[in-house]
Protein backbone atom coordinates (compact mmCIF):
# COMPACT_ATOMS: atom_id res chain seq x y z
CA MET A 1 25.67 51.01 -29.05
CA PRO A 2 24.45 48.53 -26.38
CA ARG A 3 23.84 44.95 -27.42
CA THR A 4 20.24 43.76 -27.53
CA ASP A 5 20.89 40.03 -27.82
CA THR A 6 18.07 37.84 -26.55
CA VAL A 7 17.90 34.19 -25.72
CA LYS A 8 16.62 32.15 -28.62
CA PRO A 9 13.16 30.66 -27.96
CA GLU A 10 14.23 27.19 -28.92
CA HIS A 11 16.74 27.12 -26.04
CA SER A 12 14.42 28.51 -23.38
CA ASP A 13 12.98 25.09 -22.54
CA THR A 14 16.28 23.25 -22.27
CA PRO A 15 16.23 22.68 -18.46
CA PRO A 16 12.66 21.18 -18.46
CA ARG A 17 13.56 19.05 -21.46
CA ARG A 18 16.69 17.78 -19.73
CA ARG A 19 14.62 17.02 -16.63
CA ARG A 20 12.08 15.06 -18.67
CA ASP A 21 14.86 13.12 -20.42
CA GLY A 22 16.40 12.29 -17.06
CA GLN A 23 13.09 11.05 -15.70
CA ALA A 24 12.55 8.94 -18.82
CA ARG A 25 15.97 7.35 -18.26
CA GLY A 26 14.98 6.81 -14.63
CA TYR A 27 11.85 4.91 -15.65
CA ALA A 28 13.93 2.87 -18.10
CA ILE A 29 16.26 1.89 -15.25
CA ILE A 30 13.24 0.94 -13.14
CA LEU A 31 12.01 -1.32 -15.95
CA VAL A 32 15.41 -3.04 -16.14
CA LEU A 33 15.38 -3.60 -12.36
CA LEU A 34 11.83 -4.94 -12.63
CA VAL A 35 12.93 -7.45 -15.25
CA VAL A 36 15.72 -8.61 -12.94
CA SER A 37 13.33 -8.86 -9.97
CA TYR A 38 10.75 -10.73 -12.05
CA GLY A 39 13.37 -13.17 -13.33
CA LEU A 40 14.64 -13.92 -9.82
CA CYS A 41 11.09 -14.42 -8.55
CA ALA A 42 9.98 -16.54 -11.53
CA ALA A 43 12.96 -18.86 -11.02
CA GLN A 44 11.71 -19.83 -7.56
CA PRO A 45 10.61 -23.49 -7.55
CA SER A 46 8.61 -22.99 -4.35
CA THR A 47 6.35 -20.37 -2.80
CA ASP A 48 9.19 -18.96 -0.68
CA PRO A 49 10.39 -15.60 -2.04
CA SER A 50 14.10 -15.35 -2.75
CA PRO A 51 16.07 -12.94 -0.51
CA TRP A 52 18.07 -11.92 -3.59
CA ALA A 53 14.88 -11.13 -5.48
CA PHE A 54 13.71 -9.03 -2.55
CA LEU A 55 16.97 -7.07 -2.46
CA ALA A 56 16.60 -6.40 -6.21
CA MET A 57 13.07 -5.21 -5.49
CA LEU A 58 14.40 -2.86 -2.81
CA ALA A 59 16.66 -1.27 -5.42
CA THR A 60 13.64 -0.96 -7.74
CA ILE A 61 11.51 0.78 -5.11
CA ALA A 62 14.39 3.09 -4.20
CA MET A 63 14.63 4.12 -7.86
CA VAL A 64 10.85 4.69 -8.01
CA PHE A 65 11.02 7.02 -5.00
CA TYR A 66 13.99 8.86 -6.52
CA VAL A 67 12.37 9.39 -9.92
CA THR A 68 8.90 10.29 -8.64
CA ARG A 69 10.12 12.42 -5.72
CA ALA A 70 7.59 10.75 -3.42
CA ARG A 71 6.43 12.52 -0.29
CA ASN A 72 8.72 12.25 2.72
CA LEU A 73 6.07 10.59 4.89
CA VAL A 74 5.43 7.89 2.28
CA GLN A 75 9.13 7.25 1.91
CA ARG A 76 9.76 7.09 5.66
CA VAL A 77 6.95 4.65 6.39
CA SER A 78 7.87 2.49 3.42
CA TRP A 79 11.55 2.45 4.24
CA VAL A 80 10.90 1.41 7.85
CA VAL A 81 9.02 -1.66 6.64
CA LEU A 82 11.42 -2.40 3.80
CA SER A 83 14.54 -1.89 5.91
CA VAL A 84 13.37 -4.42 8.50
CA ALA A 85 12.54 -6.91 5.76
CA GLY A 86 15.81 -6.17 3.97
CA ALA A 87 17.78 -6.80 7.16
CA SER A 88 15.87 -10.07 7.55
CA ALA A 89 16.77 -11.04 3.99
CA VAL A 90 20.46 -10.35 4.58
CA ALA A 91 20.37 -12.29 7.86
CA ALA A 92 18.64 -15.17 6.09
CA VAL A 93 21.38 -15.33 3.47
CA LEU A 94 24.10 -15.23 6.12
CA PHE A 95 22.58 -17.80 8.49
CA GLY A 96 20.75 -19.98 5.98
CA VAL A 97 17.27 -19.33 7.38
CA GLU A 98 14.44 -20.80 5.30
CA GLY A 99 10.73 -21.60 5.52
CA PRO A 100 7.72 -19.53 6.69
CA LEU A 101 9.80 -17.65 9.26
CA LEU A 102 11.46 -15.81 6.39
CA ALA A 103 8.90 -16.24 3.59
CA ILE A 104 5.99 -14.51 5.33
CA PRO A 105 7.89 -11.26 6.21
CA LEU A 106 9.43 -11.09 2.72
CA SER A 107 6.10 -11.70 1.02
CA THR A 108 4.34 -9.11 3.19
CA ALA A 109 7.04 -6.47 2.70
CA SER A 110 7.11 -7.11 -1.06
CA MET A 111 3.34 -6.70 -1.24
CA ILE A 112 3.47 -3.38 0.64
CA ALA A 113 6.32 -2.07 -1.52
CA LEU A 114 4.57 -3.07 -4.72
CA LEU A 115 1.40 -1.34 -3.53
CA VAL A 116 3.10 1.96 -2.70
CA ALA A 117 5.30 2.16 -5.83
CA PRO A 118 2.50 2.31 -8.48
CA TRP A 119 0.70 5.01 -6.49
CA ALA A 120 3.90 7.05 -6.35
CA ILE A 121 4.19 6.80 -10.14
CA ILE A 122 0.53 7.69 -10.72
CA ALA A 123 0.80 10.69 -8.38
CA HIS A 124 3.92 11.79 -10.26
CA GLN A 125 2.28 11.53 -13.67
CA VAL A 126 -1.31 12.61 -13.02
CA ASN A 127 -0.73 16.35 -13.55
CA ARG A 128 1.76 16.08 -16.39
CA ARG A 129 0.83 17.31 -19.84
CA GLY A 130 2.08 16.01 -23.13
CA LEU A 131 2.69 12.61 -24.64
CA ASP A 132 6.31 11.55 -24.50
CA LEU A 133 8.58 8.63 -23.72
CA GLU A 134 8.45 9.30 -20.00
CA ALA A 135 4.64 8.99 -19.87
CA LEU A 136 4.74 5.72 -21.83
CA LEU A 137 7.50 4.19 -19.68
CA ALA A 138 5.74 5.33 -16.50
CA ALA A 139 2.48 3.63 -17.58
CA ILE A 140 4.27 0.37 -18.43
CA THR A 141 6.22 0.43 -15.17
CA ALA A 142 3.14 1.02 -13.03
CA TYR A 143 1.26 -1.75 -14.88
CA ILE A 144 4.03 -4.29 -14.23
CA LEU A 145 4.23 -3.25 -10.58
CA VAL A 146 0.48 -3.84 -10.19
CA GLY A 147 0.85 -7.34 -11.67
CA MET A 148 3.69 -8.16 -9.30
CA PHE A 149 1.70 -6.77 -6.35
CA PHE A 150 -1.14 -9.22 -6.98
CA ALA A 151 1.38 -12.04 -7.41
CA PHE A 152 2.59 -11.45 -3.86
CA VAL A 153 -1.00 -11.25 -2.62
CA TYR A 154 -1.44 -14.79 -3.95
CA ASN A 155 1.91 -15.71 -2.45
CA LEU A 156 0.97 -14.46 1.01
CA ILE A 157 -2.33 -16.37 0.84
CA SER A 158 -0.46 -19.54 -0.07
CA GLN A 159 1.86 -19.10 2.93
CA PHE A 160 -1.11 -19.49 5.29
CA SER A 161 -3.25 -21.90 3.25
CA PRO A 162 -2.95 -25.64 3.98
CA THR A 163 -3.89 -26.47 0.37
CA PRO A 164 -1.99 -25.52 -2.82
CA MET A 165 -3.18 -22.35 -4.52
CA PHE A 166 -3.84 -24.07 -7.86
CA GLY A 167 -4.78 -27.54 -6.61
CA ASP A 168 -2.77 -30.69 -6.18
CA GLU A 169 -2.22 -31.24 -9.91
CA ASN A 170 -0.25 -27.98 -10.42
CA LEU A 171 2.99 -26.81 -8.83
CA ASP A 172 2.35 -24.06 -6.31
CA SER A 173 5.36 -21.81 -6.81
CA LEU A 174 6.10 -18.09 -6.92
CA GLY A 175 6.83 -18.46 -10.64
CA ASN A 176 3.36 -19.89 -11.30
CA GLN A 177 1.80 -17.18 -9.13
CA LEU A 178 3.52 -14.50 -11.22
CA PHE A 179 2.40 -16.16 -14.44
CA PHE A 180 -1.19 -16.43 -13.21
CA SER A 181 -1.16 -12.83 -11.96
CA PHE A 182 -0.18 -11.34 -15.31
CA THR A 183 -2.53 -13.54 -17.34
CA THR A 184 -5.32 -12.40 -15.01
CA LEU A 185 -4.29 -8.74 -15.06
CA THR A 186 -4.35 -8.74 -18.86
CA THR A 187 -7.50 -10.93 -18.85
CA THR A 188 -5.73 -13.44 -21.10
CA GLY A 189 -7.00 -16.37 -19.05
CA TYR A 190 -5.24 -19.44 -20.46
CA GLY A 191 -7.05 -21.62 -17.93
CA ASN A 192 -4.06 -23.84 -17.11
CA LEU A 193 -3.88 -22.34 -13.60
CA VAL A 194 -7.05 -21.72 -11.60
CA PRO A 195 -7.27 -20.88 -7.85
CA VAL A 196 -9.17 -23.57 -6.01
CA GLY A 197 -10.17 -21.48 -2.98
CA THR A 198 -12.78 -18.73 -2.81
CA THR A 199 -10.21 -16.25 -1.46
CA GLY A 200 -7.87 -16.74 -4.42
CA GLN A 201 -10.78 -16.59 -6.86
CA GLY A 202 -12.03 -13.35 -5.32
CA ILE A 203 -8.56 -11.78 -5.57
CA ALA A 204 -8.36 -12.91 -9.20
CA ILE A 205 -11.65 -11.16 -10.00
CA ALA A 206 -10.42 -7.98 -8.30
CA GLU A 207 -7.18 -8.14 -10.27
CA ALA A 208 -8.98 -8.60 -13.61
CA ILE A 209 -11.16 -5.56 -12.88
CA THR A 210 -8.11 -3.56 -11.78
CA GLY A 211 -6.28 -4.47 -14.99
CA GLN A 212 -9.12 -3.26 -17.17
CA LEU A 213 -9.59 -0.03 -15.21
CA PHE A 214 -5.86 0.63 -15.32
CA LEU A 215 -5.74 0.24 -19.09
CA ILE A 216 -8.74 2.54 -19.54
CA THR A 217 -7.32 5.25 -17.30
CA ALA A 218 -3.80 4.90 -18.72
CA VAL A 219 -5.03 5.24 -22.31
CA ALA A 220 -7.22 8.19 -21.27
CA ARG A 221 -4.22 9.80 -19.58
CA ILE A 222 -2.03 9.38 -22.65
CA MET A 223 -4.72 10.68 -25.01
CA ARG A 224 -5.41 13.64 -22.74
CA GLY A 225 -1.71 14.44 -22.67
CA ALA A 226 -1.48 14.22 -26.45
CA SER A 227 -4.53 16.46 -26.89
CA ALA A 228 -3.16 19.01 -24.42
CA LYS A 229 0.16 19.06 -26.24
CA ARG A 230 -1.52 19.57 -29.64
CA ALA A 231 -3.72 22.33 -28.21
CA ALA A 232 -0.70 24.11 -26.72
CA SER A 233 1.15 23.87 -30.04
CA SER A 234 -1.81 25.28 -31.99
CA ASP A 235 -2.22 28.16 -29.54
CA ALA A 236 1.44 29.02 -29.90
């Protein structure tokens, strides 16, 4: 008599589950790389970005593209910019180049990379359904990337401005710019650092609005995913 064995239902979703677990691990790795990049940037006593921090950021962006499977055109354009800046960073380390000649290209390239990476994550997550660890890690990762993007916007402004970003009484450093960026993004507003120029103040307002909109949309995305998952379970 022929066998009529069938695949058990609980094993039918193993490949998608493995894929989701792998992507969650990928986002966890991105978060670790972000912590390293943030630490290297925050340790800078001046406004000049560290070449080592930039190289760590390159590894972070590479991991973002790998996990999100970004479009080829986006990757190619981004890698052209980042490769030139990365080569400049390596050359700077080898030849001891310092000052605006290196700081401006690194700051600009970092800003571009940190602008593209959150969009790649959002595009990767926007059509997903279900609330899981991957969705949570992706939201946190994108949020941190947005905060670091605005930090390098402030940094690039400071490279061209003849006056310190936060006035003469406060140290104008990349570490302070990162601190100010995240307190603005989260609308914490300690008030110990305040941009003195209208350009910096305008960017700060835009960042505060972006932070609030991001939280609203991220929470809505998570709640929608949870509702979709519950609806699918009830229908089954």
